[in-house]
Amino acid sequence: MPPHGGTRPKQEKTDVKVNPSVKKICDKCKVIRRHGRVMVICENLRHKQRQG
């Protein structure tokens, strides 16, 4: 926390959804494999997924 007791500035952070099965949500989603994990990446950051 800042010393004056205010709030921290908002940071653009998008977490990856972890699902047992991943699938494309839209036409721009791509299913890829990184480090042995199946992932979905997309222009829409809400569509980021990781299998696990």
N, C-alpha and C. Protein backbone atom coordinates (compact mmCIF):
# COMPACT_ATOMS: atom_id res chain seq x y z
N MET A 1 0.84 -1.19 0.00
CA MET A 1 0.00 0.00 0.00
C MET A 1 0.88 1.24 0.00
N PRO A 2 0.48 2.24 -0.70
CA PRO A 2 1.21 3.50 -0.64
C PRO A 2 1.13 4.09 0.77
N PRO A 3 2.12 4.88 1.15
CA PRO A 3 2.13 5.41 2.53
C PRO A 3 0.96 6.33 2.84
N HIS A 4 0.35 6.95 1.84
CA HIS A 4 -0.76 7.87 2.10
C HIS A 4 -2.09 7.15 2.24
N GLY A 5 -2.10 5.82 2.10
CA GLY A 5 -3.33 5.06 2.31
C GLY A 5 -4.23 4.96 1.10
N GLY A 6 -3.78 5.45 -0.05
CA GLY A 6 -4.60 5.37 -1.26
C GLY A 6 -4.55 3.98 -1.87
N THR A 7 -5.13 3.86 -3.01
CA THR A 7 -5.10 2.57 -3.69
C THR A 7 -4.01 2.56 -4.73
N ARG A 8 -3.60 1.38 -5.10
CA ARG A 8 -2.57 1.25 -6.12
C ARG A 8 -3.16 1.55 -7.49
N PRO A 9 -2.35 2.05 -8.40
CA PRO A 9 -2.86 2.27 -9.76
C PRO A 9 -3.22 0.94 -10.40
N LYS A 10 -4.26 0.95 -11.22
CA LYS A 10 -4.70 -0.29 -11.86
C LYS A 10 -3.67 -0.72 -12.89
N GLN A 11 -3.38 -2.02 -12.87
CA GLN A 11 -2.48 -2.58 -13.85
C GLN A 11 -3.27 -3.53 -14.73
N GLU A 12 -2.97 -3.52 -16.02
CA GLU A 12 -3.65 -4.44 -16.93
C GLU A 12 -3.04 -5.81 -16.73
N LYS A 13 -3.73 -6.67 -16.00
CA LYS A 13 -3.25 -8.02 -15.77
C LYS A 13 -4.36 -8.98 -16.14
N THR A 14 -4.06 -9.90 -17.03
CA THR A 14 -5.07 -10.88 -17.42
C THR A 14 -4.58 -12.24 -16.98
N ASP A 15 -5.33 -12.87 -16.13
CA ASP A 15 -4.98 -14.21 -15.70
C ASP A 15 -5.44 -15.21 -16.74
N VAL A 16 -4.79 -16.34 -16.73
CA VAL A 16 -5.14 -17.42 -17.65
C VAL A 16 -6.13 -18.33 -16.95
N LYS A 17 -7.23 -18.65 -17.62
CA LYS A 17 -8.18 -19.61 -17.06
C LYS A 17 -7.56 -20.99 -17.17
N VAL A 18 -7.62 -21.77 -16.10
CA VAL A 18 -7.10 -23.13 -16.11
C VAL A 18 -8.29 -24.08 -16.14
N ASN A 19 -8.40 -24.85 -17.22
CA ASN A 19 -9.53 -25.75 -17.42
C ASN A 19 -9.03 -27.15 -17.73
N PRO A 20 -9.82 -28.18 -17.38
CA PRO A 20 -9.43 -29.54 -17.76
C PRO A 20 -9.46 -29.76 -19.27
N SER A 21 -10.33 -29.04 -19.97
CA SER A 21 -10.34 -29.11 -21.43
C SER A 21 -10.45 -27.70 -21.97
N VAL A 22 -9.63 -27.39 -22.97
CA VAL A 22 -9.65 -26.06 -23.56
C VAL A 22 -10.19 -26.16 -24.97
N LYS A 23 -10.91 -25.13 -25.40
CA LYS A 23 -11.43 -25.10 -26.76
C LYS A 23 -11.51 -23.66 -27.22
N LYS A 24 -11.54 -23.49 -28.53
CA LYS A 24 -11.64 -22.16 -29.11
C LYS A 24 -12.98 -21.55 -28.76
N ILE A 25 -12.98 -20.26 -28.43
CA ILE A 25 -14.21 -19.54 -28.12
C ILE A 25 -14.66 -18.73 -29.33
N CYS A 26 -13.70 -18.21 -30.09
CA CYS A 26 -14.04 -17.41 -31.27
C CYS A 26 -13.13 -17.80 -32.44
N ASP A 27 -13.32 -17.17 -33.57
CA ASP A 27 -12.53 -17.49 -34.76
C ASP A 27 -11.06 -17.09 -34.63
N LYS A 28 -10.77 -16.14 -33.77
CA LYS A 28 -9.39 -15.66 -33.64
C LYS A 28 -8.59 -16.44 -32.61
N CYS A 29 -9.21 -17.35 -31.88
CA CYS A 29 -8.51 -18.17 -30.89
C CYS A 29 -7.61 -19.17 -31.61
N LYS A 30 -6.42 -19.40 -31.03
CA LYS A 30 -5.49 -20.39 -31.57
C LYS A 30 -5.13 -21.36 -30.46
N VAL A 31 -5.21 -22.66 -30.75
CA VAL A 31 -4.79 -23.68 -29.80
C VAL A 31 -3.32 -23.96 -30.08
N ILE A 32 -2.48 -23.81 -29.05
CA ILE A 32 -1.04 -24.01 -29.20
C ILE A 32 -0.55 -24.91 -28.08
N ARG A 33 0.71 -25.34 -28.21
CA ARG A 33 1.32 -26.17 -27.18
C ARG A 33 2.61 -25.50 -26.75
N ARG A 34 2.73 -25.21 -25.46
CA ARG A 34 3.94 -24.59 -24.91
C ARG A 34 4.38 -25.37 -23.69
N HIS A 35 5.63 -25.80 -23.69
CA HIS A 35 6.21 -26.50 -22.54
C HIS A 35 5.35 -27.69 -22.12
N GLY A 36 4.79 -28.40 -23.10
CA GLY A 36 3.99 -29.58 -22.81
C GLY A 36 2.58 -29.29 -22.35
N ARG A 37 2.16 -28.04 -22.37
CA ARG A 37 0.80 -27.67 -21.97
C ARG A 37 0.04 -27.17 -23.18
N VAL A 38 -1.23 -27.55 -23.26
CA VAL A 38 -2.09 -27.06 -24.33
C VAL A 38 -2.69 -25.74 -23.88
N MET A 39 -2.60 -24.72 -24.72
CA MET A 39 -3.09 -23.39 -24.37
C MET A 39 -3.91 -22.81 -25.51
N VAL A 40 -4.76 -21.86 -25.18
CA VAL A 40 -5.48 -21.08 -26.18
C VAL A 40 -5.04 -19.64 -26.01
N ILE A 41 -4.60 -19.02 -27.12
CA ILE A 41 -4.28 -17.60 -27.10
C ILE A 41 -5.20 -16.91 -28.10
N CYS A 42 -5.49 -15.64 -27.84
CA CYS A 42 -6.45 -14.93 -28.67
C CYS A 42 -6.19 -13.43 -28.55
N GLU A 43 -6.70 -12.68 -29.53
CA GLU A 43 -6.64 -11.21 -29.43
C GLU A 43 -7.44 -10.73 -28.24
N ASN A 44 -8.57 -11.39 -27.97
CA ASN A 44 -9.39 -11.05 -26.82
C ASN A 44 -8.76 -11.72 -25.60
N LEU A 45 -8.21 -10.93 -24.69
CA LEU A 45 -7.46 -11.48 -23.56
C LEU A 45 -8.33 -12.29 -22.61
N ARG A 46 -9.64 -12.14 -22.68
CA ARG A 46 -10.53 -12.95 -21.83
C ARG A 46 -10.57 -14.41 -22.27
N HIS A 47 -10.09 -14.69 -23.47
CA HIS A 47 -10.15 -16.04 -23.99
C HIS A 47 -8.91 -16.87 -23.68
N LYS A 48 -7.93 -16.30 -22.94
CA LYS A 48 -6.71 -17.04 -22.63
C LYS A 48 -7.03 -18.21 -21.72
N GLN A 49 -6.59 -19.42 -22.13
CA GLN A 49 -6.84 -20.62 -21.34
C GLN A 49 -5.59 -21.49 -21.33
N ARG A 50 -5.52 -22.33 -20.29
CA ARG A 50 -4.44 -23.31 -20.19
C ARG A 50 -5.03 -24.61 -19.68
N GLN A 51 -4.60 -25.71 -20.26
CA GLN A 51 -5.11 -26.99 -19.80
C GLN A 51 -4.30 -27.43 -18.58
N GLY A 52 -5.01 -27.89 -17.56
CA GLY A 52 -4.29 -28.33 -16.36
C GLY A 52 -5.15 -28.76 -15.25
